[in-house]
Amino acid sequence: MSDIKAYTNKKGDKLYKFRIYVGFVDGKSKYVNRAGFKTKTEAKKAYQEVKFAAY
């Protein structure tokens, strides 16, 4: 899952985020961004939910 990345917020906490391509809508590429996951496992679960909902 190279789409899931770790980042540090202003408080210094390590969090995870992802960006996934969901298709072509109204002549534009559509992406979904989600952030603020405390663990990589939480991010993976949300990533899979978005992925299966989009396809």
N, C-alpha and C. Protein backbone atom coordinates (compact mmCIF):
# COMPACT_ATOMS: atom_id res chain seq x y z
N MET A 1 0.83 -1.18 0.00
CA MET A 1 0.00 0.00 0.00
C MET A 1 0.88 1.25 0.00
N SER A 2 1.39 1.57 -1.12
CA SER A 2 2.24 2.74 -1.19
C SER A 2 1.43 4.03 -1.12
N ASP A 3 0.10 3.94 -1.20
CA ASP A 3 -0.74 5.12 -1.12
C ASP A 3 -0.92 5.60 0.31
N ILE A 4 -0.60 4.76 1.29
CA ILE A 4 -0.72 5.15 2.69
C ILE A 4 0.62 5.70 3.16
N LYS A 5 0.58 6.91 3.70
CA LYS A 5 1.82 7.57 4.11
C LYS A 5 1.70 8.07 5.55
N ALA A 6 2.82 8.08 6.23
CA ALA A 6 2.88 8.61 7.59
C ALA A 6 3.23 10.09 7.52
N TYR A 7 2.70 10.85 8.47
CA TYR A 7 3.03 12.27 8.58
C TYR A 7 2.95 12.67 10.05
N THR A 8 3.50 13.81 10.36
CA THR A 8 3.49 14.33 11.72
C THR A 8 2.66 15.61 11.75
N ASN A 9 1.71 15.68 12.68
CA ASN A 9 0.89 16.89 12.79
C ASN A 9 1.61 17.95 13.62
N LYS A 10 0.97 19.07 13.83
CA LYS A 10 1.60 20.18 14.55
C LYS A 10 1.94 19.84 15.99
N LYS A 11 1.18 18.94 16.60
CA LYS A 11 1.44 18.53 17.99
C LYS A 11 2.59 17.54 18.09
N GLY A 12 3.05 17.02 16.96
CA GLY A 12 4.14 16.06 16.96
C GLY A 12 3.68 14.61 16.95
N ASP A 13 2.38 14.37 16.78
CA ASP A 13 1.85 13.01 16.73
C ASP A 13 2.07 12.42 15.35
N LYS A 14 2.40 11.13 15.31
CA LYS A 14 2.55 10.43 14.04
C LYS A 14 1.18 9.89 13.62
N LEU A 15 0.72 10.32 12.44
CA LEU A 15 -0.57 9.91 11.90
C LEU A 15 -0.38 9.38 10.48
N TYR A 16 -1.47 8.82 9.94
CA TYR A 16 -1.42 8.24 8.60
C TYR A 16 -2.50 8.84 7.72
N LYS A 17 -2.20 8.90 6.42
CA LYS A 17 -3.15 9.45 5.44
C LYS A 17 -3.05 8.64 4.16
N PHE A 18 -4.06 8.78 3.29
CA PHE A 18 -4.00 8.14 1.99
C PHE A 18 -4.75 8.97 0.95
N ARG A 19 -4.45 8.67 -0.29
CA ARG A 19 -5.10 9.29 -1.45
C ARG A 19 -5.34 8.17 -2.45
N ILE A 20 -6.58 8.07 -2.94
CA ILE A 20 -6.92 7.00 -3.87
C ILE A 20 -7.68 7.57 -5.06
N TYR A 21 -7.34 7.09 -6.23
CA TYR A 21 -8.02 7.46 -7.47
C TYR A 21 -9.30 6.65 -7.57
N VAL A 22 -10.44 7.32 -7.76
CA VAL A 22 -11.72 6.61 -7.82
C VAL A 22 -12.40 6.68 -9.18
N GLY A 23 -11.82 7.37 -10.13
CA GLY A 23 -12.40 7.37 -11.46
C GLY A 23 -12.38 8.73 -12.12
N PHE A 24 -13.09 8.78 -13.23
CA PHE A 24 -13.17 9.97 -14.06
C PHE A 24 -14.59 10.51 -13.95
N VAL A 25 -14.77 11.72 -13.39
CA VAL A 25 -16.08 12.29 -13.16
C VAL A 25 -16.15 13.67 -13.78
N ASP A 26 -17.16 13.91 -14.61
CA ASP A 26 -17.39 15.22 -15.23
C ASP A 26 -16.15 15.75 -15.95
N GLY A 27 -15.44 14.87 -16.62
CA GLY A 27 -14.27 15.29 -17.37
C GLY A 27 -13.02 15.52 -16.56
N LYS A 28 -13.06 15.15 -15.27
CA LYS A 28 -11.91 15.35 -14.39
C LYS A 28 -11.60 14.07 -13.63
N SER A 29 -10.35 13.90 -13.27
CA SER A 29 -9.96 12.77 -12.43
C SER A 29 -10.45 13.01 -11.02
N LYS A 30 -11.02 11.98 -10.40
CA LYS A 30 -11.58 12.10 -9.05
C LYS A 30 -10.70 11.33 -8.08
N TYR A 31 -10.25 12.00 -7.02
CA TYR A 31 -9.45 11.41 -5.97
C TYR A 31 -10.16 11.58 -4.63
N VAL A 32 -9.94 10.63 -3.71
CA VAL A 32 -10.46 10.74 -2.36
C VAL A 32 -9.27 10.80 -1.42
N ASN A 33 -9.25 11.80 -0.55
CA ASN A 33 -8.19 11.99 0.44
C ASN A 33 -8.77 11.77 1.83
N ARG A 34 -8.05 11.04 2.66
CA ARG A 34 -8.44 10.85 4.05
C ARG A 34 -7.18 10.94 4.89
N ALA A 35 -7.30 11.52 6.08
CA ALA A 35 -6.14 11.69 6.95
C ALA A 35 -6.58 11.64 8.41
N GLY A 36 -5.61 11.47 9.29
CA GLY A 36 -5.87 11.52 10.72
C GLY A 36 -5.99 10.16 11.38
N PHE A 37 -5.53 9.11 10.73
CA PHE A 37 -5.60 7.77 11.31
C PHE A 37 -4.45 7.56 12.28
N LYS A 38 -4.76 7.03 13.47
CA LYS A 38 -3.74 6.85 14.50
C LYS A 38 -2.83 5.67 14.22
N THR A 39 -3.35 4.65 13.50
CA THR A 39 -2.54 3.48 13.18
C THR A 39 -2.62 3.20 11.68
N LYS A 40 -1.63 2.50 11.20
CA LYS A 40 -1.61 2.14 9.79
C LYS A 40 -2.73 1.15 9.48
N THR A 41 -3.08 0.31 10.45
CA THR A 41 -4.16 -0.65 10.27
C THR A 41 -5.50 0.06 10.05
N GLU A 42 -5.76 1.11 10.81
CA GLU A 42 -6.98 1.90 10.62
C GLU A 42 -7.01 2.51 9.22
N ALA A 43 -5.88 3.02 8.78
CA ALA A 43 -5.79 3.64 7.46
C ALA A 43 -6.03 2.60 6.37
N LYS A 44 -5.48 1.39 6.53
CA LYS A 44 -5.68 0.33 5.54
C LYS A 44 -7.15 -0.06 5.45
N LYS A 45 -7.82 -0.14 6.59
CA LYS A 45 -9.23 -0.51 6.61
C LYS A 45 -10.07 0.53 5.87
N ALA A 46 -9.84 1.80 6.16
CA ALA A 46 -10.57 2.88 5.49
C ALA A 46 -10.25 2.92 4.00
N TYR A 47 -9.00 2.67 3.65
CA TYR A 47 -8.58 2.63 2.25
C TYR A 47 -9.37 1.56 1.49
N GLN A 48 -9.48 0.37 2.09
CA GLN A 48 -10.21 -0.71 1.45
C GLN A 48 -11.69 -0.38 1.31
N GLU A 49 -12.28 0.26 2.32
CA GLU A 49 -13.69 0.64 2.25
C GLU A 49 -13.95 1.62 1.11
N VAL A 50 -13.08 2.61 0.96
CA VAL A 50 -13.23 3.59 -0.10
C VAL A 50 -13.02 2.93 -1.46
N LYS A 51 -12.03 2.05 -1.52
CA LYS A 51 -11.70 1.38 -2.77
C LYS A 51 -12.87 0.53 -3.27
N PHE A 52 -13.47 -0.25 -2.38
CA PHE A 52 -14.57 -1.12 -2.78
C PHE A 52 -15.86 -0.35 -3.02
N ALA A 53 -16.06 0.77 -2.35
CA ALA A 53 -17.25 1.58 -2.57
C ALA A 53 -17.18 2.28 -3.93
N ALA A 54 -15.97 2.62 -4.35
CA ALA A 54 -15.79 3.34 -5.61
C ALA A 54 -15.92 2.40 -6.81
N TYR A 55 -15.56 1.15 -6.64
CA TYR A 55 -15.58 0.20 -7.76
C TYR A 55 -16.66 -0.75 -7.55
